[in-house]
C-alpha atoms as a PDB file:
ATOM      1  CA  MET A   1       0.000   0.000   0.000  1.00  0.00           C
ATOM      2  CA  ILE A   2       1.326   3.447  -0.959  1.00  0.00           C
ATOM      3  CA  THR A   3       0.693   6.216   1.529  1.00  0.00           C
ATOM      4  CA  ASN A   4       0.170   9.706   0.109  1.00  0.00           C
ATOM      5  CA  THR A   5       2.198  12.065   2.291  1.00  0.00           C
ATOM      6  CA  ARG A   6       1.324  15.247   0.414  1.00  0.00           C
ATOM      7  CA  ARG A   7      -0.272  17.988   2.468  1.00  0.00           C
ATOM      8  CA  ALA A   8      -3.038  18.845   0.007  1.00  0.00           C
ATOM      9  CA  PRO A   9      -5.248  16.318  -1.818  1.00  0.00           C
ATOM     10  CA  ARG A  10      -4.642  16.134  -5.563  1.00  0.00           C
ATOM     11  CA  LEU A  11      -7.047  15.613  -8.417  1.00  0.00           C
ATOM     12  CA  GLN A  12      -5.882  13.542 -11.365  1.00  0.00           C
ATOM     13  CA  VAL A  13      -7.379  15.640 -14.169  1.00  0.00           C
ATOM     14  CA  PRO A  14      -9.212  13.230 -16.491  1.00  0.00           C
ATOM     15  CA  GLU A  15     -10.144  15.713 -19.216  1.00  0.00           C
ATOM     16  CA  LEU A  16      -7.977  17.957 -21.361  1.00  0.00           C
ATOM     17  CA  VAL A  17      -7.448  21.253 -19.504  1.00  0.00           C
ATOM     18  CA  GLN A  18      -5.170  23.620 -21.414  1.00  0.00           C
ATOM     19  CA  VAL A  19      -2.946  26.006 -19.455  1.00  0.00           C
ATOM     20  CA  ARG A  20      -2.084  29.402 -20.923  1.00  0.00           C
ATOM     21  CA  ASP A  21       0.856  31.656 -20.086  1.00  0.00           C
ATOM     22  CA  GLN A  22      -0.771  35.056 -19.541  1.00  0.00           C
ATOM     23  CA  MET A  23       2.415  36.975 -20.347  1.00  0.00           C
ATOM     24  CA  THR A  24       2.864  35.463 -23.815  1.00  0.00           C
ATOM     25  CA  GLY A  25      -0.717  34.399 -24.531  1.00  0.00           C
ATOM     26  CA  THR A  26       0.441  30.933 -25.591  1.00  0.00           C
ATOM     27  CA  HIS A  27      -0.793  27.544 -24.428  1.00  0.00           C
ATOM     28  CA  ILE A  28       2.113  25.895 -22.654  1.00  0.00           C
ATOM     29  CA  GLY A  29       0.604  22.536 -21.797  1.00  0.00           C
ATOM     30  CA  ARG A  30      -2.179  20.717 -19.995  1.00  0.00           C
ATOM     31  CA  LEU A  31      -2.977  19.814 -16.415  1.00  0.00           C
ATOM     32  CA  GLY A  32      -1.828  16.412 -15.213  1.00  0.00           C
ATOM     33  CA  ASN A  33      -2.904  16.820 -11.601  1.00  0.00           C
ATOM     34  CA  ILE A  34      -3.732  19.706  -9.319  1.00  0.00           C
ATOM     35  CA  SER A  35      -4.083  20.612  -5.655  1.00  0.00           C
ATOM     36  CA  GLU A  36      -4.945  23.819  -3.890  1.00  0.00           C
ATOM     37  CA  THR A  37      -1.214  24.554  -3.563  1.00  0.00           C
ATOM     38  CA  GLY A  38       0.199  23.530  -6.933  1.00  0.00           C
ATOM     39  CA  MET A  39      -0.047  21.513 -10.122  1.00  0.00           C
ATOM     40  CA  LEU A  40       1.711  19.121 -12.439  1.00  0.00           C
ATOM     41  CA  LEU A  41       1.704  20.100 -16.107  1.00  0.00           C
ATOM     42  CA  ILE A  42       2.500  18.151 -19.208  1.00  0.00           C
ATOM     43  CA  THR A  43       4.232  20.905 -21.145  1.00  0.00           C
ATOM     44  CA  SER A  44       4.642  21.268 -24.858  1.00  0.00           C
ATOM     45  CA  VAL A  45       7.034  24.240 -24.795  1.00  0.00           C
ATOM     46  CA  PRO A  46      10.390  24.735 -23.030  1.00  0.00           C
ATOM     47  CA  LEU A  47      10.077  26.401 -19.619  1.00  0.00           C
ATOM     48  CA  GLN A  48      12.699  28.107 -17.467  1.00  0.00           C
ATOM     49  CA  ASP A  49      13.422  26.231 -14.212  1.00  0.00           C
ATOM     50  CA  ASP A  50      13.014  28.264 -11.014  1.00  0.00           C
ATOM     51  CA  ALA A  51      11.088  30.963 -12.916  1.00  0.00           C
ATOM     52  CA  LEU A  52       7.826  32.704 -12.047  1.00  0.00           C
ATOM     53  CA  TYR A  53       4.799  32.408 -14.337  1.00  0.00           C
ATOM     54  CA  GLN A  54       1.341  33.961 -14.611  1.00  0.00           C
ATOM     55  CA  LEU A  55      -0.899  31.109 -15.736  1.00  0.00           C
ATOM     56  CA  GLN A  56      -4.575  30.660 -16.536  1.00  0.00           C
ATOM     57  CA  PHE A  57      -6.724  27.552 -16.964  1.00  0.00           C
ATOM     58  CA  PRO A  58     -10.458  26.768 -16.933  1.00  0.00           C
ATOM     59  CA  ILE A  59     -12.265  24.605 -14.398  1.00  0.00           C
ATOM     60  CA  PRO A  60     -15.951  23.610 -14.445  1.00  0.00           C
ATOM     61  CA  ASP A  61     -18.211  26.212 -12.842  1.00  0.00           C
ATOM     62  CA  GLY A  62     -20.939  23.709 -11.895  1.00  0.00           C
ATOM     63  CA  ARG A  63     -23.456  25.272 -14.296  1.00  0.00           C
ATOM     64  CA  GLY A  64     -22.224  23.774 -17.548  1.00  0.00           C
ATOM     65  CA  GLY A  65     -19.613  26.456 -18.196  1.00  0.00           C
ATOM     66  CA  HIS A  66     -16.105  27.218 -17.042  1.00  0.00           C
ATOM     67  CA  LEU A  67     -14.391  29.571 -14.599  1.00  0.00           C
ATOM     68  CA  GLN A  68     -10.981  30.903 -15.649  1.00  0.00           C
ATOM     69  CA  ILE A  69      -8.507  30.452 -12.795  1.00  0.00           C
ATOM     70  CA  ASP A  70      -5.543  32.847 -12.684  1.00  0.00           C
ATOM     71  CA  VAL A  71      -2.461  31.848 -10.686  1.00  0.00           C
ATOM     72  CA  GLY A  72       0.992  33.166 -10.068  1.00  0.00           C
ATOM     73  CA  ALA A  73       3.207  30.081  -9.979  1.00  0.00           C
ATOM     74  CA  HIS A  74       6.809  29.112  -9.344  1.00  0.00           C
ATOM     75  CA  LEU A  75       8.278  26.365 -11.545  1.00  0.00           C
ATOM     76  CA  LEU A  76       9.970  24.046  -9.038  1.00  0.00           C
ATOM     77  CA  TRP A  77      11.195  21.346 -11.419  1.00  0.00           C
ATOM     78  CA  SER A  78      10.808  19.900 -14.896  1.00  0.00           C
ATOM     79  CA  GLU A  79      11.945  16.739 -16.645  1.00  0.00           C
ATOM     80  CA  PRO A  80      11.407  15.231 -20.094  1.00  0.00           C
ATOM     81  CA  THR A  81       8.642  12.693 -20.656  1.00  0.00           C
ATOM     82  CA  HIS A  82       8.999   9.712 -22.970  1.00  0.00           C
ATOM     83  CA  ALA A  83       7.088  11.622 -25.673  1.00  0.00           C
ATOM     84  CA  PRO A  84       9.113  13.873 -27.977  1.00  0.00           C
ATOM     85  CA  GLU A  85       9.109  17.591 -27.110  1.00  0.00           C
ATOM     86  CA  GLN A  86       7.097  17.141 -23.891  1.00  0.00           C
ATOM     87  CA  SER A  87       8.079  17.552 -20.249  1.00  0.00           C
ATOM     88  CA  TRP A  88       6.583  17.153 -16.810  1.00  0.00           C
ATOM     89  CA  ALA A  89       6.636  20.410 -14.827  1.00  0.00           C
ATOM     90  CA  GLY A  90       5.865  20.903 -11.136  1.00  0.00           C
ATOM     91  CA  PHE A  91       4.506  24.287 -10.067  1.00  0.00           C
ATOM     92  CA  ARG A  92       3.786  25.785  -6.644  1.00  0.00           C
ATOM     93  CA  PHE A  93       1.065  28.442  -6.495  1.00  0.00           C
ATOM     94  CA  LEU A  94       2.226  31.799  -5.143  1.00  0.00           C
ATOM     95  CA  THR A  95      -0.906  33.834  -5.803  1.00  0.00           C
ATOM     96  CA  LEU A  96      -4.469  32.605  -6.159  1.00  0.00           C
ATOM     97  CA  ASP A  97      -7.572  34.691  -5.531  1.00  0.00           C
ATOM     98  CA  LYS A  98      -9.532  33.490  -2.480  1.00  0.00           C
ATOM     99  CA  SER A  99     -12.740  32.866  -4.443  1.00  0.00           C
ATOM    100  CA  HIS A 100     -10.795  30.961  -7.124  1.00  0.00           C
ATOM    101  CA  ARG A 101      -9.081  28.880  -4.424  1.00  0.00           C
ATOM    102  CA  GLU A 102     -12.473  27.995  -2.932  1.00  0.00           C
ATOM    103  CA  ARG A 103     -13.829  26.886  -6.333  1.00  0.00           C
ATOM    104  CA  LEU A 104     -10.639  24.962  -7.067  1.00  0.00           C
ATOM    105  CA  VAL A 105     -10.921  23.072  -3.760  1.00  0.00           C
ATOM    106  CA  GLN A 106     -14.573  22.270  -4.527  1.00  0.00           C
ATOM    107  CA  TRP A 107     -13.551  20.855  -7.919  1.00  0.00           C
ATOM    108  CA  ILE A 108     -10.720  18.810  -6.375  1.00  0.00           C
ATOM    109  CA  GLU A 109     -13.085  17.418  -3.738  1.00  0.00           C
ATOM    110  CA  GLY A 110     -15.668  16.505  -6.386  1.00  0.00           C
ATOM    111  CA  SER A 111     -18.290  19.042  -5.276  1.00  0.00           C
ATOM    112  CA  ILE A 112     -18.253  20.606  -8.752  1.00  0.00           C
ATOM    113  CA  PRO A 113     -18.829  18.009 -11.490  1.00  0.00           C
ATOM    114  CA  ALA A 114     -16.778  18.023 -14.665  1.00  0.00           C
ATOM    115  CA  ALA A 115     -18.367  19.932 -17.534  1.00  0.00           C
END
């Protein structure tokens, strides 16, 4: 049995959720998993280790639409995947609006169904 020692529960994101860099306007990858404190991305563009990013991604709003979540994030690590030109990237959230954090936690806990 594997014990999860992470502080915050994580959601394995089953659907395709694109993540956009707000500074460049480009999609940089998709969510792999997410918690209230950070996320794992599968990236399709090179990222700078130990850099700060302003990112945006949609989550279900519970009414059939989506809520755009804006986060300031610190890239903690990245490593290549087995697929060409893709990497795993681990981010820690630095800034996240309180109302967005509450909705994110609801989605992680399953209180907001997928769209």
